[in-house]
C-alpha atoms as a PDB file:
ATOM      1  CA  GLN A   1       6.976  -3.092   9.463  1.00  0.00           C
ATOM      2  CA  VAL A   2       4.536  -2.938   6.586  1.00  0.00           C
ATOM      3  CA  GLN A   3       0.891  -3.628   7.313  1.00  0.00           C
ATOM      4  CA  VAL A   4      -2.139  -3.692   5.043  1.00  0.00           C
ATOM      5  CA  VAL A   5      -5.614  -3.960   6.524  1.00  0.00           C
ATOM      6  CA  GLU A   6      -8.777  -4.475   4.508  1.00  0.00           C
ATOM      7  CA  SER A   7     -12.260  -3.464   5.517  1.00  0.00           C
ATOM      8  CA  GLY A   8     -15.676  -2.956   3.980  1.00  0.00           C
ATOM      9  CA  GLY A   9     -16.741  -6.463   3.062  1.00  0.00           C
ATOM     10  CA  ASP A  10     -20.436  -7.239   3.425  1.00  0.00           C
ATOM     11  CA  SER A  11     -23.369  -9.127   1.985  1.00  0.00           C
ATOM     12  CA  VAL A  12     -25.244  -7.425  -0.840  1.00  0.00           C
ATOM     13  CA  GLN A  13     -27.813  -8.304  -3.455  1.00  0.00           C
ATOM     14  CA  PRO A  14     -26.915  -8.676  -7.118  1.00  0.00           C
ATOM     15  CA  GLY A  15     -26.613  -5.265  -8.731  1.00  0.00           C
ATOM     16  CA  GLY A  16     -25.560  -3.682  -5.464  1.00  0.00           C
ATOM     17  CA  SER A  17     -22.410  -1.771  -4.566  1.00  0.00           C
ATOM     18  CA  LEU A  18     -19.670  -1.952  -1.963  1.00  0.00           C
ATOM     19  CA  ARG A  19     -16.510   0.003  -1.293  1.00  0.00           C
ATOM     20  CA  LEU A  20     -13.562  -1.848   0.127  1.00  0.00           C
ATOM     21  CA  SER A  21     -10.762   0.004   1.899  1.00  0.00           C
ATOM     22  CA  CYS A  22      -7.127  -0.900   2.356  1.00  0.00           C
ATOM     23  CA  ALA A  23      -5.251   0.960   5.069  1.00  0.00           C
ATOM     24  CA  VAL A  24      -1.509   0.853   4.485  1.00  0.00           C
ATOM     25  CA  SER A  25       1.298   1.596   6.913  1.00  0.00           C
ATOM     26  CA  GLY A  26       5.014   1.034   7.179  1.00  0.00           C
ATOM     27  CA  PHE A  27       6.200   1.653   3.620  1.00  0.00           C
ATOM     28  CA  SER A  28       9.262   3.895   3.730  1.00  0.00           C
ATOM     29  CA  SER A  29       8.294   5.814   0.581  1.00  0.00           C
ATOM     30  CA  ASN A  30       5.422   6.023  -1.916  1.00  0.00           C
ATOM     31  CA  TYR A  31       7.306   3.820  -4.368  1.00  0.00           C
ATOM     32  CA  TYR A  32       4.985   0.904  -3.900  1.00  0.00           C
ATOM     33  CA  VAL A  33       2.049  -0.881  -5.481  1.00  0.00           C
ATOM     34  CA  ILE A  34      -1.205  -2.021  -3.911  1.00  0.00           C
ATOM     35  CA  GLY A  35      -3.240  -4.805  -5.441  1.00  0.00           C
ATOM     36  CA  TRP A  36      -6.613  -6.331  -4.761  1.00  0.00           C
ATOM     37  CA  PHE A  37      -6.988 -10.065  -5.101  1.00  0.00           C
ATOM     38  CA  ARG A  38      -9.892 -12.399  -4.436  1.00  0.00           C
ATOM     39  CA  GLN A  39     -10.388 -16.065  -3.739  1.00  0.00           C
ATOM     40  CA  ALA A  40     -13.721 -17.813  -4.069  1.00  0.00           C
ATOM     41  CA  PRO A  41     -14.373 -21.193  -2.429  1.00  0.00           C
ATOM     42  CA  GLY A  42     -12.714 -23.958  -4.393  1.00  0.00           C
ATOM     43  CA  LYS A  43     -11.004 -21.562  -6.786  1.00  0.00           C
ATOM     44  CA  VAL A  44      -7.500 -20.191  -7.114  1.00  0.00           C
ATOM     45  CA  ARG A  45      -6.741 -16.676  -6.014  1.00  0.00           C
ATOM     46  CA  GLU A  46      -6.985 -14.139  -8.826  1.00  0.00           C
ATOM     47  CA  GLY A  47      -5.904 -10.568  -9.314  1.00  0.00           C
ATOM     48  CA  VAL A  48      -8.724  -8.023  -9.503  1.00  0.00           C
ATOM     49  CA  SER A  49      -7.046  -4.635  -9.700  1.00  0.00           C
ATOM     50  CA  CYS A  50      -3.869  -2.824  -8.738  1.00  0.00           C
ATOM     51  CA  ILE A  51      -2.568   0.714  -8.502  1.00  0.00           C
ATOM     52  CA  SER A  52       0.796   2.400  -8.344  1.00  0.00           C
ATOM     53  CA  MET A  53       0.833   4.673  -5.324  1.00  0.00           C
ATOM     54  CA  ARG A  54       3.428   6.928  -6.908  1.00  0.00           C
ATOM     55  CA  GLY A  55       1.715   7.814 -10.187  1.00  0.00           C
ATOM     56  CA  GLY A  56      -1.697   6.196  -9.970  1.00  0.00           C
ATOM     57  CA  THR A  57      -1.329   3.788 -12.884  1.00  0.00           C
ATOM     58  CA  THR A  58      -3.983   1.090 -12.652  1.00  0.00           C
ATOM     59  CA  MET A  59      -4.763  -2.361 -13.993  1.00  0.00           C
ATOM     60  CA  TYR A  60      -7.995  -4.369 -13.986  1.00  0.00           C
ATOM     61  CA  ALA A  61      -8.952  -7.948 -14.625  1.00  0.00           C
ATOM     62  CA  ASP A  62     -11.186  -8.311 -17.678  1.00  0.00           C
ATOM     63  CA  SER A  63     -13.961  -9.749 -15.530  1.00  0.00           C
ATOM     64  CA  VAL A  64     -14.310  -6.540 -13.513  1.00  0.00           C
ATOM     65  CA  LYS A  65     -13.585  -3.802 -16.056  1.00  0.00           C
ATOM     66  CA  GLY A  66     -16.322  -1.186 -16.068  1.00  0.00           C
ATOM     67  CA  ARG A  67     -17.717  -2.332 -12.718  1.00  0.00           C
ATOM     68  CA  LEU A  68     -14.838  -1.930 -10.272  1.00  0.00           C
ATOM     69  CA  THR A  69     -12.732   1.179  -9.758  1.00  0.00           C
ATOM     70  CA  ILE A  70      -9.526   1.392  -7.770  1.00  0.00           C
ATOM     71  CA  SER A  71      -8.354   4.686  -6.306  1.00  0.00           C
ATOM     72  CA  ARG A  72      -5.841   5.947  -3.788  1.00  0.00           C
ATOM     73  CA  ASP A  73      -5.027   8.754  -1.422  1.00  0.00           C
ATOM     74  CA  SER A  74      -1.263   8.661  -1.076  1.00  0.00           C
ATOM     75  CA  ALA A  75      -1.277  11.214   1.726  1.00  0.00           C
ATOM     76  CA  LYS A  76      -3.654   9.041   3.745  1.00  0.00           C
ATOM     77  CA  ASN A  77      -2.004   5.783   2.656  1.00  0.00           C
ATOM     78  CA  THR A  78      -5.383   4.388   1.715  1.00  0.00           C
ATOM     79  CA  VAL A  79      -6.604   2.505  -1.332  1.00  0.00           C
ATOM     80  CA  TRP A  80     -10.248   1.924  -2.165  1.00  0.00           C
ATOM     81  CA  LEU A  81     -11.978  -0.542  -4.423  1.00  0.00           C
ATOM     82  CA  GLN A  82     -15.391   0.724  -5.497  1.00  0.00           C
ATOM     83  CA  MET A  83     -17.479  -2.242  -6.598  1.00  0.00           C
ATOM     84  CA  ASN A  84     -20.644  -1.586  -8.608  1.00  0.00           C
ATOM     85  CA  SER A  85     -23.112  -3.851 -10.419  1.00  0.00           C
ATOM     86  CA  LEU A  86     -22.024  -6.739  -8.263  1.00  0.00           C
ATOM     87  CA  LYS A  87     -22.706 -10.273  -9.449  1.00  0.00           C
ATOM     88  CA  PRO A  88     -22.939 -13.563  -7.532  1.00  0.00           C
ATOM     89  CA  GLU A  89     -19.647 -14.593  -9.129  1.00  0.00           C
ATOM     90  CA  ASP A  90     -17.967 -11.681  -7.341  1.00  0.00           C
ATOM     91  CA  THR A  91     -18.494 -13.554  -4.077  1.00  0.00           C
ATOM     92  CA  ALA A  92     -15.085 -14.171  -2.539  1.00  0.00           C
ATOM     93  CA  VAL A  93     -12.657 -13.184   0.159  1.00  0.00           C
ATOM     94  CA  TYR A  94     -10.940 -10.029  -1.040  1.00  0.00           C
ATOM     95  CA  TYR A  95      -7.341  -9.406  -0.099  1.00  0.00           C
ATOM     96  CA  CYS A  96      -5.245  -6.269  -0.219  1.00  0.00           C
ATOM     97  CA  ALA A  97      -1.531  -6.743  -0.853  1.00  0.00           C
ATOM     98  CA  GLY A  98       1.501  -4.574  -1.517  1.00  0.00           C
ATOM     99  CA  HIS A  99       5.098  -4.524  -2.707  1.00  0.00           C
ATOM    100  CA  TYR A 100       7.810  -1.952  -3.293  1.00  0.00           C
ATOM    101  CA  SER A 101       8.283  -0.779  -6.884  1.00  0.00           C
ATOM    102  CA  VAL A 102      10.352   1.949  -8.506  1.00  0.00           C
ATOM    103  CA  PHE A 103       8.103   1.928 -11.574  1.00  0.00           C
ATOM    104  CA  ASP A 104       4.832   3.761 -12.093  1.00  0.00           C
ATOM    105  CA  ALA A 105       3.141   0.551 -13.151  1.00  0.00           C
ATOM    106  CA  CYS A 106       1.464  -2.460 -11.595  1.00  0.00           C
ATOM    107  CA  ASP A 107       0.812  -6.060 -12.495  1.00  0.00           C
ATOM    108  CA  PHE A 108      -1.019  -8.904 -10.769  1.00  0.00           C
ATOM    109  CA  HIS A 109       1.716 -11.354 -11.651  1.00  0.00           C
ATOM    110  CA  GLN A 110       4.472  -9.695  -9.683  1.00  0.00           C
ATOM    111  CA  THR A 111       5.321 -10.920  -6.223  1.00  0.00           C
ATOM    112  CA  TYR A 112       3.372  -9.165  -3.522  1.00  0.00           C
ATOM    113  CA  ASP A 113       5.191  -9.292  -0.209  1.00  0.00           C
ATOM    114  CA  TYR A 114       2.657  -7.891   2.229  1.00  0.00           C
ATOM    115  CA  TRP A 115      -0.860  -9.274   2.601  1.00  0.00           C
ATOM    116  CA  GLY A 116      -3.899  -8.442   4.660  1.00  0.00           C
ATOM    117  CA  GLN A 117      -6.211 -10.886   6.386  1.00  0.00           C
ATOM    118  CA  GLY A 118      -9.000 -10.546   3.834  1.00  0.00           C
ATOM    119  CA  THR A 119     -12.569  -9.294   3.913  1.00  0.00           C
ATOM    120  CA  GLN A 120     -15.601 -11.318   2.833  1.00  0.00           C
ATOM    121  CA  VAL A 121     -17.828 -10.107   0.007  1.00  0.00           C
ATOM    122  CA  THR A 122     -21.020 -12.075  -0.577  1.00  0.00           C
ATOM    123  CA  VAL A 123     -23.371 -11.291  -3.452  1.00  0.00           C
ATOM    124  CA  SER A 124     -26.632 -13.168  -3.149  1.00  0.00           C
ATOM    125  CA  SER A 125     -30.348 -12.626  -3.424  1.00  0.00           C
END
């Protein structure tokens, strides 16, 4: 049974940094993709970043390019989201999600089958 568990959410001031972690278990191979999504109050959920666990191909939303970096350790089945230069508009619940994929590519618009419970990120002075 696949499980994804997020951690690392916190409250920070604008300009600060956080690193979110996603611990993954249960995938039968490394042919899968992990994505980070976020949902702010009153807004629809949006894709932030994703990574192919097989080859490391990544994708970022335009709103976070240059500030957020996704990385992985396939041996440890862990994905991180390093968040720098945080802004108040980054405030949201951040979710980690995964799906199987035979391709070394990722996309927010694919169907993600396995979701974590979410971790709260608050950026406020």
